[in-house]
Amino acid sequence: MFRKLLALVPIVTLLNVTPALADPRFDWVVDAKLLVVEPTYMPNSITVMIDGGAGSCPKGTVLTWNGQGATDSDRKDNVKAVLATLLTAISSNKTVRLFGYNNGCQLRLMNILNN
């Protein structure tokens, strides 16, 4: 029994040190700290800068969140909710996990991590 548990240690260790798990729906997944949250383009989109690169988008590149939803109202509400999430993350200095696409450095999904 002990040997079986011991055999799992490298696997568990690998999972714990992997910065972001791959997701085939996206070009990239990255864990990062937010440096800038810019709501200038509200209510249609938000731009951010993070402390590193994301896929083919190098460090310092503006990443864009465009509203998601079936209607214009849904998309605007989505952008408001994402802005609240981003402001929470940056004001509390939390790490975010961002999922996106290389084409246009587009963000599509995000999580705040409890670090």
C-alpha atoms as a PDB file:
ATOM      1  CA  MET A   1       0.000   0.000   0.000  1.00  0.00           C
ATOM      2  CA  PHE A   2       2.793   2.405   0.919  1.00  0.00           C
ATOM      3  CA  ARG A   3       4.554   1.756  -2.396  1.00  0.00           C
ATOM      4  CA  LYS A   4       1.370   2.579  -4.315  1.00  0.00           C
ATOM      5  CA  LEU A   5       1.033   5.870  -2.449  1.00  0.00           C
ATOM      6  CA  LEU A   6       4.707   6.619  -2.935  1.00  0.00           C
ATOM      7  CA  ALA A   7       4.312   6.034  -6.673  1.00  0.00           C
ATOM      8  CA  LEU A   8       1.680   8.808  -6.775  1.00  0.00           C
ATOM      9  CA  VAL A   9       4.005  11.447  -5.276  1.00  0.00           C
ATOM     10  CA  PRO A  10       5.616  12.478  -8.613  1.00  0.00           C
ATOM     11  CA  ILE A  11       2.200  12.780 -10.281  1.00  0.00           C
ATOM     12  CA  VAL A  12       0.724  14.871  -7.463  1.00  0.00           C
ATOM     13  CA  THR A  13       3.859  17.018  -7.379  1.00  0.00           C
ATOM     14  CA  LEU A  14       3.645  17.633 -11.124  1.00  0.00           C
ATOM     15  CA  LEU A  15       0.012  18.685 -10.851  1.00  0.00           C
ATOM     16  CA  ASN A  16       0.790  21.070  -8.006  1.00  0.00           C
ATOM     17  CA  VAL A  17       3.616  22.860  -9.812  1.00  0.00           C
ATOM     18  CA  THR A  18       1.965  23.117 -13.212  1.00  0.00           C
ATOM     19  CA  PRO A  19       1.188  26.851 -13.531  1.00  0.00           C
ATOM     20  CA  ALA A  20      -1.855  26.410 -15.743  1.00  0.00           C
ATOM     21  CA  LEU A  21      -3.531  23.317 -17.113  1.00  0.00           C
ATOM     22  CA  ALA A  22      -3.969  23.119 -20.874  1.00  0.00           C
ATOM     23  CA  ASP A  23      -7.443  23.379 -22.336  1.00  0.00           C
ATOM     24  CA  PRO A  24      -7.896  22.368 -25.992  1.00  0.00           C
ATOM     25  CA  ARG A  25     -10.600  25.000 -26.557  1.00  0.00           C
ATOM     26  CA  PHE A  26      -8.044  27.802 -26.249  1.00  0.00           C
ATOM     27  CA  ASP A  27      -4.659  28.678 -27.739  1.00  0.00           C
ATOM     28  CA  TRP A  28      -3.225  29.436 -24.314  1.00  0.00           C
ATOM     29  CA  VAL A  29      -3.832  29.326 -20.589  1.00  0.00           C
ATOM     30  CA  VAL A  30      -1.696  31.441 -18.282  1.00  0.00           C
ATOM     31  CA  ASP A  31      -1.592  32.311 -14.586  1.00  0.00           C
ATOM     32  CA  ALA A  32      -0.654  35.967 -14.140  1.00  0.00           C
ATOM     33  CA  LYS A  33      -0.917  39.106 -12.071  1.00  0.00           C
ATOM     34  CA  LEU A  34      -2.820  42.002 -13.580  1.00  0.00           C
ATOM     35  CA  LEU A  35      -0.777  45.164 -14.110  1.00  0.00           C
ATOM     36  CA  VAL A  36      -3.413  47.321 -15.815  1.00  0.00           C
ATOM     37  CA  VAL A  37      -7.184  47.123 -16.135  1.00  0.00           C
ATOM     38  CA  GLU A  38      -8.496  49.661 -18.630  1.00  0.00           C
ATOM     39  CA  PRO A  39     -12.268  50.201 -18.804  1.00  0.00           C
ATOM     40  CA  THR A  40     -12.002  52.935 -21.484  1.00  0.00           C
ATOM     41  CA  TYR A  41     -13.857  50.843 -24.052  1.00  0.00           C
ATOM     42  CA  MET A  42     -16.783  50.005 -21.783  1.00  0.00           C
ATOM     43  CA  PRO A  43     -19.457  48.807 -22.222  1.00  0.00           C
ATOM     44  CA  ASN A  44     -18.240  46.789 -25.223  1.00  0.00           C
ATOM     45  CA  SER A  45     -14.824  45.601 -24.097  1.00  0.00           C
ATOM     46  CA  ILE A  46     -12.073  45.810 -21.478  1.00  0.00           C
ATOM     47  CA  THR A  47      -8.344  45.703 -22.012  1.00  0.00           C
ATOM     48  CA  VAL A  48      -5.743  44.427 -19.567  1.00  0.00           C
ATOM     49  CA  MET A  49      -2.000  43.987 -19.290  1.00  0.00           C
ATOM     50  CA  ILE A  50      -0.424  41.171 -17.298  1.00  0.00           C
ATOM     51  CA  ASP A  51       3.015  40.517 -15.813  1.00  0.00           C
ATOM     52  CA  GLY A  52       4.038  38.059 -18.539  1.00  0.00           C
ATOM     53  CA  GLY A  53       3.257  36.829 -21.995  1.00  0.00           C
ATOM     54  CA  ALA A  54       0.290  34.747 -23.104  1.00  0.00           C
ATOM     55  CA  GLY A  55       0.756  32.403 -26.051  1.00  0.00           C
ATOM     56  CA  SER A  56       2.089  34.429 -28.978  1.00  0.00           C
ATOM     57  CA  CYS A  57       1.144  37.673 -27.185  1.00  0.00           C
ATOM     58  CA  PRO A  58       4.394  38.888 -25.556  1.00  0.00           C
ATOM     59  CA  LYS A  59       4.679  40.611 -22.202  1.00  0.00           C
ATOM     60  CA  GLY A  60       3.339  44.155 -22.467  1.00  0.00           C
ATOM     61  CA  THR A  61       0.717  43.252 -25.063  1.00  0.00           C
ATOM     62  CA  VAL A  62      -2.800  44.506 -24.442  1.00  0.00           C
ATOM     63  CA  LEU A  63      -5.222  41.602 -23.998  1.00  0.00           C
ATOM     64  CA  THR A  64      -8.863  42.288 -24.833  1.00  0.00           C
ATOM     65  CA  TRP A  65     -12.091  40.959 -23.360  1.00  0.00           C
ATOM     66  CA  ASN A  66     -15.030  41.497 -25.715  1.00  0.00           C
ATOM     67  CA  GLY A  67     -18.514  41.033 -24.330  1.00  0.00           C
ATOM     68  CA  GLN A  68     -20.054  37.609 -24.711  1.00  0.00           C
ATOM     69  CA  GLY A  69     -23.732  36.824 -25.080  1.00  0.00           C
ATOM     70  CA  ALA A  70     -26.597  36.487 -27.536  1.00  0.00           C
ATOM     71  CA  THR A  71     -27.815  40.093 -27.397  1.00  0.00           C
ATOM     72  CA  ASP A  72     -26.189  43.505 -27.099  1.00  0.00           C
ATOM     73  CA  SER A  73     -27.600  43.784 -23.592  1.00  0.00           C
ATOM     74  CA  ASP A  74     -26.141  40.387 -22.634  1.00  0.00           C
ATOM     75  CA  ARG A  75     -22.732  41.383 -23.974  1.00  0.00           C
ATOM     76  CA  LYS A  76     -22.752  44.668 -22.040  1.00  0.00           C
ATOM     77  CA  ASP A  77     -23.786  42.879 -18.836  1.00  0.00           C
ATOM     78  CA  ASN A  78     -21.006  40.352 -19.402  1.00  0.00           C
ATOM     79  CA  VAL A  79     -18.406  43.117 -19.717  1.00  0.00           C
ATOM     80  CA  LYS A  80     -19.669  44.697 -16.470  1.00  0.00           C
ATOM     81  CA  ALA A  81     -19.346  41.376 -14.635  1.00  0.00           C
ATOM     82  CA  VAL A  82     -15.854  40.806 -16.029  1.00  0.00           C
ATOM     83  CA  LEU A  83     -14.804  44.324 -15.012  1.00  0.00           C
ATOM     84  CA  ALA A  84     -15.958  43.623 -11.448  1.00  0.00           C
ATOM     85  CA  THR A  85     -13.946  40.391 -11.462  1.00  0.00           C
ATOM     86  CA  LEU A  86     -10.828  42.104 -12.799  1.00  0.00           C
ATOM     87  CA  LEU A  87     -11.079  44.960 -10.305  1.00  0.00           C
ATOM     88  CA  THR A  88     -11.432  42.440  -7.479  1.00  0.00           C
ATOM     89  CA  ALA A  89      -8.343  40.583  -8.653  1.00  0.00           C
ATOM     90  CA  ILE A  90      -6.155  43.654  -9.111  1.00  0.00           C
ATOM     91  CA  SER A  91      -7.228  45.355  -5.867  1.00  0.00           C
ATOM     92  CA  SER A  92      -6.602  42.202  -3.826  1.00  0.00           C
ATOM     93  CA  ASN A  93      -3.381  41.328  -5.710  1.00  0.00           C
ATOM     94  CA  LYS A  94      -4.751  37.904  -6.643  1.00  0.00           C
ATOM     95  CA  THR A  95      -3.436  35.794  -9.483  1.00  0.00           C
ATOM     96  CA  VAL A  96      -5.804  35.257 -12.395  1.00  0.00           C
ATOM     97  CA  ARG A  97      -5.932  32.279 -14.716  1.00  0.00           C
ATOM     98  CA  LEU A  98      -6.621  33.545 -18.212  1.00  0.00           C
ATOM     99  CA  PHE A  99      -7.689  31.503 -21.233  1.00  0.00           C
ATOM    100  CA  GLY A 100      -7.464  33.007 -24.676  1.00  0.00           C
ATOM    101  CA  TYR A 101      -6.621  33.084 -28.350  1.00  0.00           C
ATOM    102  CA  ASN A 102      -3.470  34.246 -30.126  1.00  0.00           C
ATOM    103  CA  ASN A 103      -5.472  35.951 -32.897  1.00  0.00           C
ATOM    104  CA  GLY A 104      -5.968  39.474 -31.582  1.00  0.00           C
ATOM    105  CA  CYS A 105      -4.764  38.487 -28.086  1.00  0.00           C
ATOM    106  CA  GLN A 106      -8.357  37.812 -27.076  1.00  0.00           C
ATOM    107  CA  LEU A 107      -9.419  36.722 -23.591  1.00  0.00           C
ATOM    108  CA  ARG A 108     -12.324  34.271 -23.421  1.00  0.00           C
ATOM    109  CA  LEU A 109     -12.401  32.843 -19.897  1.00  0.00           C
ATOM    110  CA  MET A 110     -10.880  33.784 -16.561  1.00  0.00           C
ATOM    111  CA  ASN A 111     -10.664  32.669 -12.952  1.00  0.00           C
ATOM    112  CA  ILE A 112      -9.408  34.405  -9.818  1.00  0.00           C
ATOM    113  CA  LEU A 113      -7.077  32.082  -7.919  1.00  0.00           C
ATOM    114  CA  ASN A 114      -6.828  32.012  -4.137  1.00  0.00           C
ATOM    115  CA  ASN A 115      -3.098  32.478  -3.778  1.00  0.00           C
END
